[in-house]
Amino acid sequence: MAVQFACNAPKPVTYDLGRPKCPRCGSVLLIAEESAFNLRGRIRHAWSCDDCAHEFVTSIILWPR
């Protein structure tokens, strides 16, 4: 049985799904090492890259003050 495609794309479509990338090597990170919420409306995520061991922090604002 042969595989048939409904349409031919010039190249595969890839999505990063909003995941952060390592600022050092560019690898896509899947899960934060640690997450913390504070009452001022911020979530802080601590990340560690599995490929190069670089560690960094991101912060998300949930609601404006």
PDB file of N, CA and C in Angstrom:
ATOM      1  N   MET A   1       0.847  -1.174   0.000  1.00  0.00           N
ATOM      2  CA  MET A   1       0.000   0.000   0.000  1.00  0.00           C
ATOM      3  C   MET A   1       0.891   1.236   0.000  1.00  0.00           C
ATOM      4  N   ALA A   2       0.634   2.132  -0.916  1.00  0.00           N
ATOM      5  CA  ALA A   2       1.435   3.352  -1.043  1.00  0.00           C
ATOM      6  C   ALA A   2       0.811   4.477  -0.221  1.00  0.00           C
ATOM      7  N   VAL A   3       1.664   5.289   0.358  1.00  0.00           N
ATOM      8  CA  VAL A   3       1.212   6.455   1.104  1.00  0.00           C
ATOM      9  C   VAL A   3       0.873   7.558   0.117  1.00  0.00           C
ATOM     10  N   GLN A   4      -0.301   8.181   0.278  1.00  0.00           N
ATOM     11  CA  GLN A   4      -0.716   9.263  -0.599  1.00  0.00           C
ATOM     12  C   GLN A   4      -0.956  10.509   0.233  1.00  0.00           C
ATOM     13  N   PHE A   5      -0.585  11.641  -0.303  1.00  0.00           N
ATOM     14  CA  PHE A   5      -0.750  12.913   0.385  1.00  0.00           C
ATOM     15  C   PHE A   5      -1.849  13.728  -0.302  1.00  0.00           C
ATOM     16  N   ALA A   6      -2.646  14.447   0.475  1.00  0.00           N
ATOM     17  CA  ALA A   6      -3.713  15.277  -0.075  1.00  0.00           C
ATOM     18  C   ALA A   6      -3.146  16.496  -0.787  1.00  0.00           C
ATOM     19  N   CYS A   7      -2.025  16.996  -0.314  1.00  0.00           N
ATOM     20  CA  CYS A   7      -1.366  18.126  -0.964  1.00  0.00           C
ATOM     21  C   CYS A   7       0.139  18.006  -0.750  1.00  0.00           C
ATOM     22  N   ASN A   8       0.880  18.593  -1.638  1.00  0.00           N
ATOM     23  CA  ASN A   8       2.335  18.563  -1.527  1.00  0.00           C
ATOM     24  C   ASN A   8       2.822  19.899  -0.986  1.00  0.00           C
ATOM     25  N   ALA A   9       3.502  19.864   0.123  1.00  0.00           N
ATOM     26  CA  ALA A   9       4.080  21.071   0.707  1.00  0.00           C
ATOM     27  C   ALA A   9       5.538  21.150   0.278  1.00  0.00           C
ATOM     28  N   PRO A  10       6.049  22.375   0.017  1.00  0.00           N
ATOM     29  CA  PRO A  10       7.445  22.500  -0.412  1.00  0.00           C
ATOM     30  C   PRO A  10       8.438  22.065   0.659  1.00  0.00           C
ATOM     31  N   LYS A  11       8.065  22.194   1.919  1.00  0.00           N
ATOM     32  CA  LYS A  11       8.919  21.731   3.015  1.00  0.00           C
ATOM     33  C   LYS A  11       8.035  21.392   4.206  1.00  0.00           C
ATOM     34  N   PRO A  12       8.512  20.570   5.120  1.00  0.00           N
ATOM     35  CA  PRO A  12       7.702  20.212   6.290  1.00  0.00           C
ATOM     36  C   PRO A  12       7.374  21.454   7.136  1.00  0.00           C
ATOM     37  N   VAL A  13       6.188  21.483   7.655  1.00  0.00           N
ATOM     38  CA  VAL A  13       5.769  22.587   8.519  1.00  0.00           C
ATOM     39  C   VAL A  13       6.072  22.203   9.961  1.00  0.00           C
ATOM     40  N   THR A  14       6.792  23.070  10.643  1.00  0.00           N
ATOM     41  CA  THR A  14       7.107  22.820  12.049  1.00  0.00           C
ATOM     42  C   THR A  14       6.631  23.989  12.888  1.00  0.00           C
ATOM     43  N   TYR A  15       6.252  23.700  14.083  1.00  0.00           N
ATOM     44  CA  TYR A  15       5.779  24.710  15.020  1.00  0.00           C
ATOM     45  C   TYR A  15       6.586  24.601  16.307  1.00  0.00           C
ATOM     46  N   ASP A  16       6.860  25.751  16.936  1.00  0.00           N
ATOM     47  CA  ASP A  16       7.556  25.695  18.223  1.00  0.00           C
ATOM     48  C   ASP A  16       6.572  25.738  19.381  1.00  0.00           C
ATOM     49  N   LEU A  17       5.282  25.943  19.104  1.00  0.00           N
ATOM     50  CA  LEU A  17       4.214  25.926  20.089  1.00  0.00           C
ATOM     51  C   LEU A  17       4.451  26.867  21.258  1.00  0.00           C
ATOM     52  N   GLY A  18       5.182  27.942  21.019  1.00  0.00           N
ATOM     53  CA  GLY A  18       5.404  28.929  22.062  1.00  0.00           C
ATOM     54  C   GLY A  18       6.395  28.501  23.129  1.00  0.00           C
ATOM     55  N   ARG A  19       7.106  27.446  22.911  1.00  0.00           N
ATOM     56  CA  ARG A  19       8.083  26.975  23.891  1.00  0.00           C
ATOM     57  C   ARG A  19       9.326  27.849  23.819  1.00  0.00           C
ATOM     58  N   PRO A  20       9.941  28.122  24.965  1.00  0.00           N
ATOM     59  CA  PRO A  20      11.162  28.929  24.939  1.00  0.00           C
ATOM     60  C   PRO A  20      12.330  28.158  24.335  1.00  0.00           C
ATOM     61  N   LYS A  21      13.272  28.923  23.816  1.00  0.00           N
ATOM     62  CA  LYS A  21      14.499  28.336  23.282  1.00  0.00           C
ATOM     63  C   LYS A  21      15.662  28.771  24.164  1.00  0.00           C
ATOM     64  N   CYS A  22      16.652  27.929  24.257  1.00  0.00           N
ATOM     65  CA  CYS A  22      17.848  28.247  25.026  1.00  0.00           C
ATOM     66  C   CYS A  22      18.552  29.438  24.380  1.00  0.00           C
ATOM     67  N   PRO A  23      18.852  30.482  25.163  1.00  0.00           N
ATOM     68  CA  PRO A  23      19.542  31.636  24.585  1.00  0.00           C
ATOM     69  C   PRO A  23      20.976  31.320  24.153  1.00  0.00           C
ATOM     70  N   ARG A  24      21.550  30.256  24.654  1.00  0.00           N
ATOM     71  CA  ARG A  24      22.931  29.908  24.292  1.00  0.00           C
ATOM     72  C   ARG A  24      22.998  29.042  23.035  1.00  0.00           C
ATOM     73  N   CYS A  25      22.224  27.934  22.975  1.00  0.00           N
ATOM     74  CA  CYS A  25      22.367  27.005  21.850  1.00  0.00           C
ATOM     75  C   CYS A  25      21.137  26.932  20.946  1.00  0.00           C
ATOM     76  N   GLY A  26      19.989  27.485  21.375  1.00  0.00           N
ATOM     77  CA  GLY A  26      18.801  27.514  20.544  1.00  0.00           C
ATOM     78  C   GLY A  26      17.910  26.287  20.625  1.00  0.00           C
ATOM     79  N   SER A  27      18.221  25.336  21.493  1.00  0.00           N
ATOM     80  CA  SER A  27      17.375  24.149  21.642  1.00  0.00           C
ATOM     81  C   SER A  27      16.022  24.530  22.232  1.00  0.00           C
ATOM     82  N   VAL A  28      14.967  23.869  21.776  1.00  0.00           N
ATOM     83  CA  VAL A  28      13.625  24.109  22.321  1.00  0.00           C
ATOM     84  C   VAL A  28      13.507  23.375  23.649  1.00  0.00           C
ATOM     85  N   LEU A  29      13.020  24.075  24.667  1.00  0.00           N
ATOM     86  CA  LEU A  29      12.870  23.500  26.002  1.00  0.00           C
ATOM     87  C   LEU A  29      11.413  23.120  26.233  1.00  0.00           C
ATOM     88  N   LEU A  30      11.176  21.996  26.871  1.00  0.00           N
ATOM     89  CA  LEU A  30       9.823  21.499  27.038  1.00  0.00           C
ATOM     90  C   LEU A  30       9.234  21.770  28.423  1.00  0.00           C
ATOM     91  N   ILE A  31      10.003  21.556  29.465  1.00  0.00           N
ATOM     92  CA  ILE A  31       9.471  21.657  30.824  1.00  0.00           C
ATOM     93  C   ILE A  31      10.411  22.502  31.682  1.00  0.00           C
ATOM     94  N   ALA A  32       9.830  23.438  32.434  1.00  0.00           N
ATOM     95  CA  ALA A  32      10.613  24.261  33.353  1.00  0.00           C
ATOM     96  C   ALA A  32      11.085  23.407  34.532  1.00  0.00           C
ATOM     97  N   GLU A  33      12.255  23.713  35.033  1.00  0.00           N
ATOM     98  CA  GLU A  33      12.780  23.018  36.213  1.00  0.00           C
ATOM     99  C   GLU A  33      11.984  23.395  37.461  1.00  0.00           C
ATOM    100  N   GLU A  34      11.550  24.659  37.493  1.00  0.00           N
ATOM    101  CA  GLU A  34      10.829  25.165  38.660  1.00  0.00           C
ATOM    102  C   GLU A  34       9.905  26.288  38.212  1.00  0.00           C
ATOM    103  N   SER A  35       8.726  26.387  38.819  1.00  0.00           N
ATOM    104  CA  SER A  35       7.794  27.475  38.537  1.00  0.00           C
ATOM    105  C   SER A  35       7.283  28.028  39.859  1.00  0.00           C
ATOM    106  N   ALA A  36       7.097  29.342  39.905  1.00  0.00           N
ATOM    107  CA  ALA A  36       6.613  29.980  41.136  1.00  0.00           C
ATOM    108  C   ALA A  36       5.647  31.099  40.778  1.00  0.00           C
ATOM    109  N   PHE A  37       4.577  31.225  41.546  1.00  0.00           N
ATOM    110  CA  PHE A  37       3.578  32.270  41.363  1.00  0.00           C
ATOM    111  C   PHE A  37       3.664  33.232  42.530  1.00  0.00           C
ATOM    112  N   ASN A  38       3.582  34.559  42.253  1.00  0.00           N
ATOM    113  CA  ASN A  38       3.506  35.503  43.363  1.00  0.00           C
ATOM    114  C   ASN A  38       2.181  36.261  43.295  1.00  0.00           C
ATOM    115  N   LEU A  39       1.781  36.872  44.370  1.00  0.00           N
ATOM    116  CA  LEU A  39       0.473  37.524  44.464  1.00  0.00           C
ATOM    117  C   LEU A  39       0.384  38.816  43.666  1.00  0.00           C
ATOM    118  N   ARG A  40       1.486  39.298  43.112  1.00  0.00           N
ATOM    119  CA  ARG A  40       1.454  40.488  42.248  1.00  0.00           C
ATOM    120  C   ARG A  40       1.127  40.137  40.804  1.00  0.00           C
ATOM    121  N   GLY A  41       0.827  38.878  40.540  1.00  0.00           N
ATOM    122  CA  GLY A  41       0.389  38.477  39.213  1.00  0.00           C
ATOM    123  C   GLY A  41       1.482  38.044  38.266  1.00  0.00           C
ATOM    124  N   ARG A  42       2.560  37.488  38.767  1.00  0.00           N
ATOM    125  CA  ARG A  42       3.655  37.009  37.917  1.00  0.00           C
ATOM    126  C   ARG A  42       3.904  35.524  38.161  1.00  0.00           C
ATOM    127  N   ILE A  43       4.244  34.829  37.082  1.00  0.00           N
ATOM    128  CA  ILE A  43       4.718  33.450  37.189  1.00  0.00           C
ATOM    129  C   ILE A  43       6.166  33.446  36.717  1.00  0.00           C
ATOM    130  N   ARG A  44       7.039  32.901  37.533  1.00  0.00           N
ATOM    131  CA  ARG A  44       8.472  32.832  37.230  1.00  0.00           C
ATOM    132  C   ARG A  44       8.818  31.387  36.919  1.00  0.00           C
ATOM    133  N   HIS A  45       9.493  31.159  35.794  1.00  0.00           N
ATOM    134  CA  HIS A  45       9.926  29.818  35.397  1.00  0.00           C
ATOM    135  C   HIS A  45      11.451  29.782  35.348  1.00  0.00           C
ATOM    136  N   ALA A  46      12.044  28.794  35.985  1.00  0.00           N
ATOM    137  CA  ALA A  46      13.489  28.565  35.923  1.00  0.00           C
ATOM    138  C   ALA A  46      13.726  27.404  34.943  1.00  0.00           C
ATOM    139  N   TRP A  47      14.592  27.633  33.951  1.00  0.00           N
ATOM    140  CA  TRP A  47      14.851  26.666  32.894  1.00  0.00           C
ATOM    141  C   TRP A  47      16.294  26.185  32.936  1.00  0.00           C
ATOM    142  N   SER A  48      16.521  24.960  32.498  1.00  0.00           N
ATOM    143  CA  SER A  48      17.860  24.409  32.352  1.00  0.00           C
ATOM    144  C   SER A  48      17.890  23.620  31.047  1.00  0.00           C
ATOM    145  N   CYS A  49      18.802  23.989  30.155  1.00  0.00           N
ATOM    146  CA  CYS A  49      18.892  23.338  28.848  1.00  0.00           C
ATOM    147  C   CYS A  49      19.543  21.958  28.997  1.00  0.00           C
ATOM    148  N   ASP A  50      18.902  20.949  28.427  1.00  0.00           N
ATOM    149  CA  ASP A  50      19.450  19.588  28.473  1.00  0.00           C
ATOM    150  C   ASP A  50      20.672  19.426  27.566  1.00  0.00           C
ATOM    151  N   ASP A  51      20.775  20.248  26.525  1.00  0.00           N
ATOM    152  CA  ASP A  51      21.880  20.109  25.579  1.00  0.00           C
ATOM    153  C   ASP A  51      23.166  20.785  26.040  1.00  0.00           C
ATOM    154  N   CYS A  52      23.060  22.018  26.587  1.00  0.00           N
ATOM    155  CA  CYS A  52      24.284  22.748  26.946  1.00  0.00           C
ATOM    156  C   CYS A  52      24.356  23.129  28.432  1.00  0.00           C
ATOM    157  N   ALA A  53      23.348  22.767  29.227  1.00  0.00           N
ATOM    158  CA  ALA A  53      23.303  23.004  30.677  1.00  0.00           C
ATOM    159  C   ALA A  53      23.188  24.483  31.064  1.00  0.00           C
ATOM    160  N   HIS A  54      22.846  25.350  30.105  1.00  0.00           N
ATOM    161  CA  HIS A  54      22.648  26.772  30.408  1.00  0.00           C
ATOM    162  C   HIS A  54      21.368  26.940  31.224  1.00  0.00           C
ATOM    163  N   GLU A  55      21.405  27.777  32.257  1.00  0.00           N
ATOM    164  CA  GLU A  55      20.242  28.026  33.103  1.00  0.00           C
ATOM    165  C   GLU A  55      19.810  29.477  32.966  1.00  0.00           C
ATOM    166  N   PHE A  56      18.485  29.702  32.899  1.00  0.00           N
ATOM    167  CA  PHE A  56      17.951  31.057  32.800  1.00  0.00           C
ATOM    168  C   PHE A  56      16.540  31.092  33.356  1.00  0.00           C
ATOM    169  N   VAL A  57      15.996  32.292  33.532  1.00  0.00           N
ATOM    170  CA  VAL A  57      14.678  32.484  34.133  1.00  0.00           C
ATOM    171  C   VAL A  57      13.818  33.316  33.194  1.00  0.00           C
ATOM    172  N   THR A  58      12.531  32.946  33.077  1.00  0.00           N
ATOM    173  CA  THR A  58      11.553  33.758  32.360  1.00  0.00           C
ATOM    174  C   THR A  58      10.452  34.142  33.345  1.00  0.00           C
ATOM    175  N   SER A  59       9.738  35.224  33.017  1.00  0.00           N
ATOM    176  CA  SER A  59       8.672  35.707  33.882  1.00  0.00           C
ATOM    177  C   SER A  59       7.480  36.107  33.020  1.00  0.00           C
ATOM    178  N   ILE A  60       6.278  35.715  33.461  1.00  0.00           N
ATOM    179  CA  ILE A  60       5.052  36.009  32.734  1.00  0.00           C
ATOM    180  C   ILE A  60       4.143  36.851  33.635  1.00  0.00           C
ATOM    181  N   ILE A  61       3.584  37.926  33.069  1.00  0.00           N
ATOM    182  CA  ILE A  61       2.640  38.762  33.812  1.00  0.00           C
ATOM    183  C   ILE A  61       1.233  38.247  33.510  1.00  0.00           C
ATOM    184  N   LEU A  62       0.464  37.913  34.560  1.00  0.00           N
ATOM    185  CA  LEU A  62      -0.890  37.420  34.367  1.00  0.00           C
ATOM    186  C   LEU A  62      -1.911  38.542  34.228  1.00  0.00           C
ATOM    187  N   TRP A  63      -1.762  39.584  35.002  1.00  0.00           N
ATOM    188  CA  TRP A  63      -2.671  40.719  34.912  1.00  0.00           C
ATOM    189  C   TRP A  63      -1.898  41.989  35.206  1.00  0.00           C
ATOM    190  N   PRO A  64      -2.268  43.074  34.522  1.00  0.00           N
ATOM    191  CA  PRO A  64      -1.545  44.346  34.735  1.00  0.00           C
ATOM    192  C   PRO A  64      -1.912  44.977  36.065  1.00  0.00           C
ATOM    193  N   ARG A  65      -0.993  45.697  36.627  1.00  0.00           N
ATOM    194  CA  ARG A  65      -1.220  46.430  37.882  1.00  0.00           C
ATOM    195  C   ARG A  65      -1.326  47.888  37.605  1.00  0.00           C
TER     196      ARG A  65
END
